[in-house]
N, C-alpha and C. Protein backbone atom coordinates (compact mmCIF):
# COMPACT_ATOMS: atom_id res chain seq x y z
N UNK A 1 -7.66 -34.88 15.98
CA UNK A 1 -8.97 -34.39 16.43
C UNK A 1 -9.69 -33.61 15.33
N UNK A 2 -8.94 -32.81 14.58
CA UNK A 2 -9.57 -32.03 13.51
C UNK A 2 -10.10 -32.94 12.42
N UNK A 3 -9.33 -34.00 12.08
CA UNK A 3 -9.78 -34.94 11.05
C UNK A 3 -11.03 -35.68 11.51
N UNK A 4 -11.03 -36.11 12.77
CA UNK A 4 -12.17 -36.86 13.33
C UNK A 4 -13.43 -36.00 13.33
N UNK A 5 -13.27 -34.72 13.65
CA UNK A 5 -14.44 -33.84 13.74
C UNK A 5 -14.87 -33.30 12.38
N UNK A 6 -14.08 -33.59 11.34
CA UNK A 6 -14.45 -33.13 10.01
C UNK A 6 -14.06 -31.70 9.70
N UNK A 7 -13.19 -31.11 10.53
CA UNK A 7 -12.80 -29.71 10.32
C UNK A 7 -11.66 -29.54 9.32
N UNK A 8 -10.96 -30.62 9.03
CA UNK A 8 -9.76 -30.51 8.19
C UNK A 8 -10.06 -29.90 6.82
N UNK A 9 -11.07 -30.45 6.11
CA UNK A 9 -11.37 -29.96 4.77
C UNK A 9 -11.96 -28.56 4.81
N UNK A 10 -12.70 -28.26 5.87
CA UNK A 10 -13.25 -26.90 6.01
C UNK A 10 -12.13 -25.89 6.16
N UNK A 11 -11.11 -26.26 6.94
CA UNK A 11 -9.96 -25.37 7.14
C UNK A 11 -9.17 -25.21 5.85
N UNK A 12 -8.94 -26.33 5.14
CA UNK A 12 -8.18 -26.27 3.89
C UNK A 12 -8.89 -25.41 2.85
N UNK A 13 -10.22 -25.43 2.85
CA UNK A 13 -10.97 -24.62 1.88
C UNK A 13 -10.81 -23.13 2.16
N UNK A 14 -10.48 -22.79 3.39
CA UNK A 14 -10.27 -21.38 3.76
C UNK A 14 -8.83 -20.97 3.52
N UNK A 15 -7.89 -21.88 3.75
CA UNK A 15 -6.47 -21.53 3.70
C UNK A 15 -6.03 -21.05 2.33
N UNK A 16 -6.56 -21.62 1.25
CA UNK A 16 -6.12 -21.19 -0.08
C UNK A 16 -6.57 -19.76 -0.35
N UNK A 17 -7.70 -19.37 0.23
CA UNK A 17 -8.16 -17.98 0.09
C UNK A 17 -7.23 -17.04 0.84
N UNK A 18 -6.82 -17.46 2.04
CA UNK A 18 -5.86 -16.67 2.82
C UNK A 18 -4.56 -16.55 2.04
N UNK A 19 -4.14 -17.64 1.43
CA UNK A 19 -2.91 -17.67 0.64
C UNK A 19 -2.95 -16.61 -0.46
N UNK A 20 -4.05 -16.54 -1.20
CA UNK A 20 -4.17 -15.58 -2.29
C UNK A 20 -4.21 -14.14 -1.77
N UNK A 21 -4.91 -13.93 -0.67
CA UNK A 21 -4.99 -12.58 -0.08
C UNK A 21 -3.62 -12.11 0.37
N UNK A 22 -2.86 -13.00 1.00
CA UNK A 22 -1.52 -12.64 1.49
C UNK A 22 -0.60 -12.27 0.33
N UNK A 23 -0.62 -13.05 -0.74
CA UNK A 23 0.23 -12.75 -1.91
C UNK A 23 -0.17 -11.40 -2.52
N UNK A 24 -1.48 -11.15 -2.60
CA UNK A 24 -1.95 -9.86 -3.12
C UNK A 24 -1.45 -8.71 -2.25
N UNK A 25 -1.47 -8.89 -0.93
CA UNK A 25 -0.97 -7.86 -0.02
C UNK A 25 0.52 -7.64 -0.22
N UNK A 26 1.26 -8.72 -0.45
CA UNK A 26 2.70 -8.59 -0.72
C UNK A 26 2.94 -7.74 -1.95
N UNK A 27 2.24 -8.05 -3.03
CA UNK A 27 2.45 -7.34 -4.29
C UNK A 27 2.08 -5.87 -4.16
N UNK A 28 1.00 -5.59 -3.47
CA UNK A 28 0.60 -4.19 -3.24
C UNK A 28 1.66 -3.46 -2.45
N UNK A 29 2.18 -4.12 -1.43
CA UNK A 29 3.21 -3.49 -0.59
C UNK A 29 4.49 -3.22 -1.39
N UNK A 30 4.88 -4.17 -2.25
CA UNK A 30 6.07 -3.98 -3.08
C UNK A 30 5.89 -2.77 -4.00
N UNK A 31 4.73 -2.68 -4.64
CA UNK A 31 4.46 -1.55 -5.54
C UNK A 31 4.51 -0.23 -4.78
N UNK A 32 3.91 -0.20 -3.59
CA UNK A 32 3.93 1.03 -2.78
C UNK A 32 5.36 1.42 -2.43
N UNK A 33 6.17 0.44 -2.03
CA UNK A 33 7.56 0.73 -1.68
C UNK A 33 8.32 1.35 -2.85
N UNK A 34 8.16 0.77 -4.03
CA UNK A 34 8.90 1.29 -5.19
C UNK A 34 8.32 2.61 -5.70
N UNK A 35 7.03 2.83 -5.50
CA UNK A 35 6.46 4.13 -5.83
C UNK A 35 7.07 5.22 -4.94
N UNK A 36 7.21 4.91 -3.65
CA UNK A 36 7.83 5.86 -2.73
C UNK A 36 9.30 6.07 -3.10
N UNK A 37 10.00 4.97 -3.40
CA UNK A 37 11.41 5.06 -3.79
C UNK A 37 11.56 5.89 -5.06
N UNK A 38 10.66 5.69 -6.02
CA UNK A 38 10.70 6.46 -7.25
C UNK A 38 10.41 7.92 -7.02
N UNK A 39 9.47 8.20 -6.12
CA UNK A 39 9.13 9.59 -5.80
C UNK A 39 10.30 10.31 -5.14
N UNK A 40 10.98 9.62 -4.23
CA UNK A 40 12.11 10.23 -3.52
C UNK A 40 13.31 10.42 -4.44
N UNK A 41 13.57 9.42 -5.28
CA UNK A 41 14.79 9.44 -6.11
C UNK A 41 14.61 10.08 -7.48
N UNK A 42 13.37 10.22 -7.93
CA UNK A 42 13.12 10.73 -9.27
C UNK A 42 13.30 9.68 -10.34
N UNK A 43 13.44 8.41 -9.94
CA UNK A 43 13.59 7.32 -10.90
C UNK A 43 12.23 6.73 -11.26
N UNK A 44 12.18 6.03 -12.37
CA UNK A 44 10.94 5.38 -12.81
C UNK A 44 10.66 4.18 -11.91
N UNK A 45 9.58 4.22 -11.12
CA UNK A 45 9.32 3.10 -10.19
C UNK A 45 9.07 1.78 -10.90
N UNK A 46 8.50 1.83 -12.10
CA UNK A 46 8.22 0.59 -12.82
C UNK A 46 9.49 -0.01 -13.40
N UNK A 47 10.47 0.84 -13.71
CA UNK A 47 11.78 0.33 -14.13
C UNK A 47 12.48 -0.33 -12.94
N UNK A 48 12.31 0.27 -11.76
CA UNK A 48 12.89 -0.31 -10.54
C UNK A 48 12.27 -1.68 -10.25
N UNK A 49 10.95 -1.77 -10.42
CA UNK A 49 10.26 -3.05 -10.21
C UNK A 49 10.74 -4.09 -11.22
N UNK A 50 10.91 -3.67 -12.47
CA UNK A 50 11.39 -4.59 -13.50
C UNK A 50 12.80 -5.09 -13.18
N UNK A 51 13.64 -4.20 -12.68
CA UNK A 51 15.00 -4.60 -12.30
C UNK A 51 15.00 -5.61 -11.15
N UNK A 52 13.93 -5.59 -10.34
CA UNK A 52 13.88 -6.44 -9.15
C UNK A 52 13.41 -7.85 -9.45
N UNK A 53 12.90 -8.11 -10.64
CA UNK A 53 12.33 -9.42 -10.97
C UNK A 53 13.31 -10.58 -10.72
N UNK A 54 14.59 -10.49 -11.11
CA UNK A 54 15.51 -11.61 -10.82
C UNK A 54 15.65 -11.89 -9.32
N UNK A 55 15.72 -10.84 -8.52
CA UNK A 55 15.82 -11.02 -7.07
C UNK A 55 14.56 -11.64 -6.50
N UNK A 56 13.41 -11.20 -7.00
CA UNK A 56 12.12 -11.74 -6.55
C UNK A 56 12.03 -13.23 -6.88
N UNK A 57 12.40 -13.59 -8.11
CA UNK A 57 12.32 -14.99 -8.54
C UNK A 57 13.30 -15.87 -7.75
N UNK A 58 14.49 -15.33 -7.48
CA UNK A 58 15.48 -16.10 -6.71
C UNK A 58 14.99 -16.35 -5.30
N UNK A 59 14.37 -15.34 -4.69
CA UNK A 59 13.86 -15.49 -3.33
C UNK A 59 12.75 -16.53 -3.26
N UNK A 60 11.93 -16.59 -4.30
CA UNK A 60 10.87 -17.61 -4.34
C UNK A 60 11.49 -19.00 -4.37
N UNK A 61 12.59 -19.15 -5.09
CA UNK A 61 13.24 -20.46 -5.20
C UNK A 61 14.03 -20.86 -3.98
N UNK A 62 14.64 -19.90 -3.30
CA UNK A 62 15.51 -20.22 -2.16
C UNK A 62 14.82 -20.13 -0.81
N UNK A 63 13.74 -19.35 -0.71
CA UNK A 63 13.07 -19.09 0.56
C UNK A 63 14.02 -18.48 1.59
N UNK A 64 15.07 -17.85 1.13
CA UNK A 64 16.08 -17.32 2.05
C UNK A 64 16.55 -15.94 1.60
N UNK A 65 16.40 -14.95 2.48
CA UNK A 65 16.89 -13.61 2.18
C UNK A 65 18.41 -13.60 2.06
N UNK A 66 19.06 -14.37 2.92
CA UNK A 66 20.53 -14.42 2.91
C UNK A 66 21.05 -15.02 1.61
N UNK A 67 20.42 -16.10 1.15
CA UNK A 67 20.87 -16.75 -0.08
C UNK A 67 20.62 -15.91 -1.32
N UNK A 68 19.71 -14.95 -1.20
CA UNK A 68 19.36 -14.10 -2.35
C UNK A 68 20.24 -12.86 -2.44
N UNK A 69 21.08 -12.63 -1.44
CA UNK A 69 21.90 -11.41 -1.40
C UNK A 69 22.71 -11.19 -2.69
N UNK A 70 23.43 -12.19 -3.23
CA UNK A 70 24.22 -11.94 -4.45
C UNK A 70 23.38 -11.44 -5.62
N UNK A 71 22.23 -12.06 -5.84
CA UNK A 71 21.36 -11.63 -6.94
C UNK A 71 20.76 -10.26 -6.64
N UNK A 72 20.41 -10.03 -5.38
CA UNK A 72 19.82 -8.74 -5.02
C UNK A 72 20.82 -7.61 -5.18
N UNK A 73 22.09 -7.90 -4.96
CA UNK A 73 23.13 -6.89 -5.18
C UNK A 73 23.22 -6.52 -6.66
N UNK A 74 23.04 -7.50 -7.53
CA UNK A 74 23.03 -7.22 -8.96
C UNK A 74 21.83 -6.36 -9.34
N UNK A 75 20.69 -6.64 -8.72
CA UNK A 75 19.50 -5.82 -8.96
C UNK A 75 19.73 -4.38 -8.49
N UNK A 76 20.39 -4.25 -7.34
CA UNK A 76 20.69 -2.92 -6.80
C UNK A 76 21.61 -2.15 -7.73
N UNK A 77 22.55 -2.85 -8.35
CA UNK A 77 23.46 -2.20 -9.30
C UNK A 77 22.69 -1.68 -10.51
N UNK A 78 21.72 -2.46 -10.99
CA UNK A 78 20.88 -2.01 -12.11
C UNK A 78 20.07 -0.78 -11.72
N UNK A 79 19.72 -0.67 -10.44
CA UNK A 79 18.96 0.48 -9.96
C UNK A 79 19.81 1.74 -9.85
N UNK A 80 21.12 1.59 -10.07
CA UNK A 80 22.01 2.74 -9.99
C UNK A 80 22.44 3.09 -8.58
N UNK A 81 22.33 2.14 -7.66
CA UNK A 81 22.73 2.37 -6.27
C UNK A 81 24.25 2.26 -6.16
N UNK A 82 24.85 3.20 -5.48
CA UNK A 82 26.30 3.20 -5.30
C UNK A 82 26.77 1.90 -4.66
N UNK A 83 27.97 1.46 -5.02
CA UNK A 83 28.49 0.19 -4.51
C UNK A 83 28.57 0.17 -2.99
N UNK A 84 29.07 1.26 -2.40
CA UNK A 84 29.21 1.28 -0.94
C UNK A 84 27.86 1.25 -0.23
N UNK A 85 26.84 1.81 -0.89
CA UNK A 85 25.50 1.80 -0.30
C UNK A 85 24.85 0.43 -0.44
N UNK A 86 24.92 -0.15 -1.64
CA UNK A 86 24.27 -1.46 -1.83
C UNK A 86 24.97 -2.56 -1.03
N UNK A 87 26.29 -2.47 -0.88
CA UNK A 87 27.01 -3.48 -0.11
C UNK A 87 26.71 -3.39 1.39
N UNK A 88 26.18 -2.26 1.81
CA UNK A 88 25.79 -2.09 3.22
C UNK A 88 24.31 -2.38 3.43
N UNK A 89 23.47 -1.78 2.60
CA UNK A 89 22.02 -1.86 2.81
C UNK A 89 21.46 -3.25 2.53
N UNK A 90 21.86 -3.87 1.43
CA UNK A 90 21.26 -5.16 1.04
C UNK A 90 21.54 -6.27 2.06
N UNK A 91 22.80 -6.49 2.48
CA UNK A 91 23.02 -7.53 3.50
C UNK A 91 22.38 -7.20 4.85
N UNK A 92 22.38 -5.91 5.22
CA UNK A 92 21.76 -5.51 6.48
C UNK A 92 20.26 -5.79 6.46
N UNK A 93 19.60 -5.32 5.41
CA UNK A 93 18.15 -5.50 5.31
C UNK A 93 17.75 -6.96 5.14
N UNK A 94 18.64 -7.77 4.58
CA UNK A 94 18.34 -9.20 4.44
C UNK A 94 18.13 -9.86 5.79
N UNK A 95 18.69 -9.26 6.83
CA UNK A 95 18.57 -9.84 8.17
C UNK A 95 17.61 -9.10 9.09
N UNK A 96 17.29 -7.84 8.79
CA UNK A 96 16.43 -7.09 9.71
C UNK A 96 15.14 -6.58 9.07
N UNK A 97 15.06 -6.58 7.74
CA UNK A 97 13.85 -6.07 7.08
C UNK A 97 12.97 -7.25 6.67
N UNK A 98 11.93 -7.51 7.47
CA UNK A 98 11.06 -8.68 7.25
C UNK A 98 9.61 -8.26 7.10
N UNK A 99 9.37 -7.21 6.32
CA UNK A 99 8.02 -6.68 6.17
C UNK A 99 7.07 -7.71 5.56
N UNK A 100 7.53 -8.44 4.55
CA UNK A 100 6.69 -9.45 3.93
C UNK A 100 6.29 -10.54 4.90
N UNK A 101 7.23 -10.94 5.74
CA UNK A 101 6.95 -11.97 6.74
C UNK A 101 5.96 -11.46 7.78
N UNK A 102 6.09 -10.19 8.16
CA UNK A 102 5.16 -9.62 9.13
C UNK A 102 3.75 -9.54 8.57
N UNK A 103 3.64 -9.18 7.30
CA UNK A 103 2.32 -9.16 6.65
C UNK A 103 1.70 -10.55 6.70
N UNK A 104 2.49 -11.56 6.38
CA UNK A 104 2.00 -12.93 6.36
C UNK A 104 1.57 -13.40 7.74
N UNK A 105 2.43 -13.19 8.73
CA UNK A 105 2.13 -13.67 10.08
C UNK A 105 0.88 -12.99 10.63
N UNK A 106 0.77 -11.68 10.43
CA UNK A 106 -0.40 -10.96 10.94
C UNK A 106 -1.67 -11.40 10.23
N UNK A 107 -1.61 -11.56 8.92
CA UNK A 107 -2.79 -12.00 8.16
C UNK A 107 -3.19 -13.42 8.53
N UNK A 108 -2.21 -14.30 8.68
CA UNK A 108 -2.50 -15.69 9.05
C UNK A 108 -3.07 -15.77 10.46
N UNK A 109 -2.52 -14.99 11.37
CA UNK A 109 -3.03 -14.98 12.75
C UNK A 109 -4.48 -14.51 12.79
N UNK A 110 -4.78 -13.49 11.99
CA UNK A 110 -6.15 -12.99 11.92
C UNK A 110 -7.08 -14.06 11.35
N UNK A 111 -6.64 -14.75 10.30
CA UNK A 111 -7.45 -15.80 9.69
C UNK A 111 -7.70 -16.95 10.66
N UNK A 112 -6.67 -17.34 11.39
CA UNK A 112 -6.82 -18.44 12.36
C UNK A 112 -7.79 -18.04 13.47
N UNK A 113 -7.72 -16.79 13.92
CA UNK A 113 -8.66 -16.32 14.95
C UNK A 113 -10.10 -16.40 14.44
N UNK A 114 -10.31 -16.01 13.20
CA UNK A 114 -11.66 -16.06 12.63
C UNK A 114 -12.13 -17.50 12.44
N UNK A 115 -11.22 -18.39 12.04
CA UNK A 115 -11.58 -19.80 11.84
C UNK A 115 -11.98 -20.48 13.14
N UNK A 116 -11.25 -20.14 14.21
CA UNK A 116 -11.50 -20.79 15.50
C UNK A 116 -12.36 -19.94 16.42
N UNK A 117 -12.91 -18.85 15.88
CA UNK A 117 -13.80 -17.96 16.62
C UNK A 117 -13.15 -17.46 17.91
N UNK A 118 -11.87 -17.13 17.79
CA UNK A 118 -11.15 -16.53 18.92
C UNK A 118 -11.36 -15.02 18.88
N UNK A 119 -11.47 -14.38 20.03
CA UNK A 119 -11.67 -12.92 20.05
C UNK A 119 -10.46 -12.19 19.47
N UNK A 120 -10.72 -11.19 18.65
CA UNK A 120 -9.63 -10.41 18.05
C UNK A 120 -10.06 -8.96 17.92
N UNK A 121 -9.15 -8.05 18.18
CA UNK A 121 -9.45 -6.62 18.10
C UNK A 121 -8.16 -5.86 17.84
N UNK A 122 -8.29 -4.57 17.54
CA UNK A 122 -7.11 -3.74 17.34
C UNK A 122 -6.28 -3.68 18.61
N UNK A 123 -6.94 -3.80 19.75
CA UNK A 123 -6.23 -3.76 21.03
C UNK A 123 -5.27 -4.92 21.22
N UNK A 124 -5.51 -6.03 20.52
CA UNK A 124 -4.60 -7.17 20.60
C UNK A 124 -3.65 -7.22 19.40
N UNK A 125 -4.15 -6.82 18.24
CA UNK A 125 -3.34 -6.92 17.02
C UNK A 125 -2.24 -5.87 16.98
N UNK A 126 -2.55 -4.62 17.35
CA UNK A 126 -1.55 -3.55 17.26
C UNK A 126 -0.34 -3.81 18.16
N UNK A 127 -0.53 -4.17 19.45
CA UNK A 127 0.65 -4.50 20.27
C UNK A 127 1.43 -5.69 19.71
N UNK A 128 0.71 -6.66 19.13
CA UNK A 128 1.37 -7.81 18.53
C UNK A 128 2.26 -7.38 17.37
N UNK A 129 1.73 -6.51 16.50
CA UNK A 129 2.51 -6.03 15.35
C UNK A 129 3.73 -5.26 15.82
N UNK A 130 3.57 -4.41 16.83
CA UNK A 130 4.70 -3.62 17.34
C UNK A 130 5.77 -4.53 17.93
N UNK A 131 5.34 -5.53 18.70
CA UNK A 131 6.29 -6.49 19.28
C UNK A 131 6.98 -7.29 18.19
N UNK A 132 6.19 -7.69 17.19
CA UNK A 132 6.74 -8.48 16.08
C UNK A 132 7.77 -7.68 15.30
N UNK A 133 7.51 -6.38 15.13
CA UNK A 133 8.45 -5.53 14.42
C UNK A 133 9.81 -5.50 15.06
N UNK A 134 9.84 -5.52 16.39
CA UNK A 134 11.11 -5.54 17.13
C UNK A 134 11.74 -6.93 17.06
N UNK A 135 10.90 -7.96 17.23
CA UNK A 135 11.41 -9.33 17.25
C UNK A 135 11.99 -9.75 15.90
N UNK A 136 11.42 -9.24 14.81
CA UNK A 136 11.88 -9.62 13.47
C UNK A 136 13.32 -9.19 13.19
N UNK A 137 13.81 -8.21 13.96
CA UNK A 137 15.20 -7.79 13.80
C UNK A 137 16.15 -8.96 14.10
N UNK A 138 15.71 -9.82 15.02
CA UNK A 138 16.54 -10.97 15.41
C UNK A 138 16.23 -12.21 14.58
N UNK A 139 15.31 -12.09 13.62
CA UNK A 139 14.93 -13.25 12.81
C UNK A 139 16.02 -13.59 11.81
N UNK A 140 16.41 -14.85 11.70
CA UNK A 140 17.43 -15.24 10.71
C UNK A 140 16.86 -15.19 9.30
N UNK A 141 17.69 -14.86 8.34
CA UNK A 141 17.25 -14.82 6.95
C UNK A 141 17.27 -16.19 6.32
N UNK A 142 16.64 -17.15 6.97
CA UNK A 142 16.62 -18.54 6.52
C UNK A 142 15.17 -19.01 6.41
N UNK A 143 14.90 -20.08 5.65
CA UNK A 143 13.52 -20.57 5.50
C UNK A 143 12.84 -20.84 6.84
N UNK A 144 11.66 -20.24 7.03
CA UNK A 144 10.90 -20.46 8.25
C UNK A 144 11.42 -19.72 9.47
N UNK A 145 12.45 -18.91 9.31
CA UNK A 145 13.04 -18.22 10.45
C UNK A 145 12.10 -17.24 11.12
N UNK A 146 11.29 -16.55 10.32
CA UNK A 146 10.40 -15.52 10.87
C UNK A 146 9.30 -16.11 11.74
N UNK A 147 8.68 -17.20 11.29
CA UNK A 147 7.60 -17.78 12.08
C UNK A 147 8.13 -18.40 13.37
N UNK A 148 9.35 -18.93 13.33
CA UNK A 148 9.95 -19.46 14.55
C UNK A 148 10.21 -18.34 15.56
N UNK A 149 10.60 -17.18 15.04
CA UNK A 149 10.83 -16.02 15.91
C UNK A 149 9.52 -15.51 16.49
N UNK A 150 8.45 -15.60 15.70
CA UNK A 150 7.15 -15.07 16.12
C UNK A 150 6.38 -15.99 17.07
N UNK A 151 6.69 -17.28 17.07
CA UNK A 151 5.92 -18.24 17.88
C UNK A 151 5.74 -17.85 19.34
N UNK A 152 6.79 -17.40 20.03
CA UNK A 152 6.61 -17.07 21.46
C UNK A 152 5.66 -15.90 21.71
N UNK A 153 5.31 -15.14 20.66
CA UNK A 153 4.48 -13.96 20.84
C UNK A 153 3.05 -14.15 20.32
N UNK A 154 2.74 -15.34 19.80
CA UNK A 154 1.40 -15.58 19.25
C UNK A 154 0.33 -15.57 20.33
N UNK A 155 0.72 -15.80 21.58
CA UNK A 155 -0.26 -15.77 22.67
C UNK A 155 -0.90 -14.40 22.79
N UNK A 156 -0.22 -13.36 22.31
CA UNK A 156 -0.76 -12.00 22.39
C UNK A 156 -2.02 -11.86 21.55
N UNK A 157 -2.15 -12.70 20.52
CA UNK A 157 -3.34 -12.68 19.66
C UNK A 157 -4.29 -13.81 20.02
N UNK A 158 -3.76 -15.01 20.22
CA UNK A 158 -4.59 -16.19 20.44
C UNK A 158 -5.02 -16.38 21.90
N UNK A 159 -4.34 -15.73 22.82
CA UNK A 159 -4.58 -15.99 24.23
C UNK A 159 -3.56 -17.00 24.75
N UNK A 160 -3.44 -17.10 26.06
CA UNK A 160 -2.42 -17.95 26.67
C UNK A 160 -2.64 -19.42 26.35
N UNK A 161 -3.89 -19.89 26.44
CA UNK A 161 -4.16 -21.32 26.22
C UNK A 161 -4.05 -21.68 24.75
N UNK A 162 -4.75 -20.94 23.89
CA UNK A 162 -4.73 -21.25 22.45
C UNK A 162 -3.37 -20.95 21.83
N UNK A 163 -2.61 -20.03 22.46
CA UNK A 163 -1.31 -19.65 21.91
C UNK A 163 -0.16 -20.51 22.35
N UNK A 164 -0.46 -21.68 22.93
CA UNK A 164 0.59 -22.63 23.33
C UNK A 164 1.40 -23.02 22.10
N UNK A 165 2.71 -22.81 22.16
CA UNK A 165 3.56 -23.07 20.98
C UNK A 165 3.53 -24.54 20.56
N UNK A 166 3.13 -25.43 21.46
CA UNK A 166 3.05 -26.86 21.13
C UNK A 166 1.63 -27.29 20.77
N UNK A 167 0.70 -26.33 20.75
CA UNK A 167 -0.69 -26.66 20.49
C UNK A 167 -1.04 -26.70 19.01
N UNK A 168 -2.26 -27.16 18.69
CA UNK A 168 -2.67 -27.32 17.28
C UNK A 168 -2.82 -26.01 16.53
N UNK A 169 -3.21 -24.94 17.23
CA UNK A 169 -3.41 -23.66 16.54
C UNK A 169 -2.09 -23.09 16.05
N UNK A 170 -1.08 -23.15 16.89
CA UNK A 170 0.25 -22.68 16.47
C UNK A 170 0.82 -23.58 15.37
N UNK A 171 0.48 -24.87 15.42
CA UNK A 171 0.93 -25.79 14.36
C UNK A 171 0.32 -25.40 13.02
N UNK A 172 -0.96 -25.02 13.03
CA UNK A 172 -1.61 -24.56 11.81
C UNK A 172 -0.97 -23.27 11.32
N UNK A 173 -0.63 -22.38 12.26
CA UNK A 173 0.04 -21.13 11.90
C UNK A 173 1.35 -21.40 11.17
N UNK A 174 2.13 -22.33 11.71
CA UNK A 174 3.42 -22.66 11.10
C UNK A 174 3.21 -23.25 9.70
N UNK A 175 2.26 -24.18 9.59
CA UNK A 175 1.99 -24.81 8.29
C UNK A 175 1.51 -23.78 7.27
N UNK A 176 0.63 -22.89 7.70
CA UNK A 176 0.09 -21.87 6.80
C UNK A 176 1.19 -20.91 6.36
N UNK A 177 2.06 -20.57 7.29
CA UNK A 177 3.16 -19.65 6.96
C UNK A 177 4.14 -20.29 5.97
N UNK A 178 4.51 -21.53 6.23
CA UNK A 178 5.51 -22.20 5.40
C UNK A 178 5.04 -22.34 3.96
N UNK A 179 3.72 -22.51 3.75
CA UNK A 179 3.21 -22.69 2.39
C UNK A 179 3.48 -21.48 1.50
N UNK A 180 3.61 -20.30 2.10
CA UNK A 180 3.86 -19.11 1.28
C UNK A 180 5.14 -18.39 1.69
N UNK A 181 6.01 -19.07 2.40
CA UNK A 181 7.25 -18.44 2.86
C UNK A 181 8.07 -17.89 1.69
N UNK A 182 7.99 -18.55 0.55
CA UNK A 182 8.73 -18.09 -0.63
C UNK A 182 8.31 -16.68 -1.03
N UNK A 183 7.00 -16.43 -1.03
CA UNK A 183 6.50 -15.12 -1.46
C UNK A 183 6.77 -14.05 -0.40
N UNK A 184 6.74 -14.44 0.87
CA UNK A 184 7.09 -13.49 1.93
C UNK A 184 8.54 -13.07 1.82
N UNK A 185 9.42 -14.04 1.54
CA UNK A 185 10.84 -13.75 1.37
C UNK A 185 11.06 -12.85 0.16
N UNK A 186 10.33 -13.12 -0.93
CA UNK A 186 10.45 -12.29 -2.13
C UNK A 186 10.03 -10.86 -1.86
N UNK A 187 9.00 -10.70 -1.03
CA UNK A 187 8.56 -9.35 -0.64
C UNK A 187 9.64 -8.67 0.20
N UNK A 188 10.24 -9.42 1.10
CA UNK A 188 11.31 -8.87 1.95
C UNK A 188 12.46 -8.33 1.11
N UNK A 189 12.99 -9.16 0.21
CA UNK A 189 14.18 -8.76 -0.55
C UNK A 189 13.87 -7.66 -1.55
N UNK A 190 12.65 -7.63 -2.06
CA UNK A 190 12.27 -6.55 -2.97
C UNK A 190 12.28 -5.22 -2.24
N UNK A 191 11.75 -5.24 -1.02
CA UNK A 191 11.75 -4.02 -0.22
C UNK A 191 13.15 -3.56 0.14
N UNK A 192 14.09 -4.51 0.23
CA UNK A 192 15.48 -4.15 0.56
C UNK A 192 16.04 -3.17 -0.47
N UNK A 193 15.78 -3.43 -1.75
CA UNK A 193 16.31 -2.56 -2.79
C UNK A 193 15.53 -1.25 -2.89
N UNK A 194 14.25 -1.27 -2.54
CA UNK A 194 13.50 -0.01 -2.49
C UNK A 194 14.11 0.90 -1.41
N UNK A 195 14.45 0.30 -0.28
CA UNK A 195 15.11 1.05 0.79
C UNK A 195 16.48 1.53 0.31
N UNK A 196 17.18 0.65 -0.41
CA UNK A 196 18.50 1.01 -0.93
C UNK A 196 18.46 2.23 -1.84
N UNK A 197 17.44 2.30 -2.69
CA UNK A 197 17.29 3.45 -3.59
C UNK A 197 17.10 4.74 -2.79
N UNK A 198 16.28 4.67 -1.74
CA UNK A 198 16.03 5.85 -0.90
C UNK A 198 17.30 6.27 -0.16
N UNK A 199 17.99 5.30 0.44
CA UNK A 199 19.23 5.61 1.16
C UNK A 199 20.28 6.19 0.21
N UNK A 200 20.37 5.61 -0.98
CA UNK A 200 21.32 6.09 -1.98
C UNK A 200 21.03 7.55 -2.36
N UNK A 201 19.75 7.86 -2.53
CA UNK A 201 19.37 9.23 -2.89
C UNK A 201 19.72 10.22 -1.78
N UNK A 202 19.43 9.84 -0.54
CA UNK A 202 19.76 10.71 0.60
C UNK A 202 21.27 10.90 0.71
N UNK A 203 22.01 9.82 0.51
CA UNK A 203 23.47 9.89 0.59
C UNK A 203 24.04 10.82 -0.48
N UNK A 204 23.52 10.69 -1.70
CA UNK A 204 24.02 11.53 -2.79
C UNK A 204 23.68 13.01 -2.57
N UNK A 205 22.47 13.28 -2.08
CA UNK A 205 22.02 14.66 -1.95
C UNK A 205 22.66 15.40 -0.78
N UNK A 206 22.80 14.70 0.34
CA UNK A 206 23.20 15.40 1.56
C UNK A 206 24.62 15.11 2.02
N UNK A 207 25.25 14.06 1.47
CA UNK A 207 26.63 13.75 1.88
C UNK A 207 27.58 13.96 0.71
N UNK A 208 27.35 13.28 -0.39
CA UNK A 208 28.20 13.49 -1.57
C UNK A 208 27.82 14.72 -2.36
N UNK A 209 26.53 15.09 -2.23
CA UNK A 209 26.00 16.28 -2.89
C UNK A 209 26.18 16.23 -4.41
N UNK A 210 25.82 15.08 -4.98
CA UNK A 210 25.77 14.96 -6.43
C UNK A 210 24.41 14.40 -6.81
N UNK A 211 24.18 14.09 -8.05
CA UNK A 211 22.87 13.64 -8.51
C UNK A 211 22.82 12.13 -8.63
N UNK A 212 21.63 11.59 -8.44
CA UNK A 212 21.44 10.15 -8.54
C UNK A 212 21.45 9.71 -10.00
N UNK A 213 21.81 8.45 -10.23
CA UNK A 213 21.79 7.89 -11.58
C UNK A 213 20.35 7.59 -11.97
N UNK A 214 19.95 8.06 -13.14
CA UNK A 214 18.59 7.81 -13.61
C UNK A 214 18.44 6.36 -14.06
N UNK A 215 17.26 5.82 -13.83
CA UNK A 215 16.97 4.44 -14.25
C UNK A 215 15.80 4.48 -15.23
């Protein structure tokens, strides 16, 4: 129907802009996370970001947080995170920390609403984000796992009829998400080590009561 009505190319011309905006949001979020981690730990945030490049690149190639765990553990070691902390935080966050995926899903849902002139407001988006935050805990760290977890809740933004999981709008959501799933995963795993640095600092200060390793 979209091809017949001539909407296909109009939609494609918008999607690449959404793609660029989402990636920019990911990068900004990663920088903010490491700035906070650097502030808490006293480490150089830009050195932490540099250490994360192998994990980021691996996540882009695998599209899987779980498959990136071995490389991310090496990045955590470069960050000076204690072995017992990195062996706990990195695998745990690979399965429950999906901030990059949430950014993507929310941005894509907003874009689809604007493309199809569906009503959207903070009153619909905020409850959706809160629900998504809980649902993402159950999301598998596998390619496309986050959007599959989010599908049953898209009606909260699109409405009951437009939010039909078998309908064309949800199909566009899935397609749009999959095109940048690599970058969402890279954002997820990068944030895992930022969290690891913070947890490591708290553990050293209040439990072991020693100083963190400088990076």
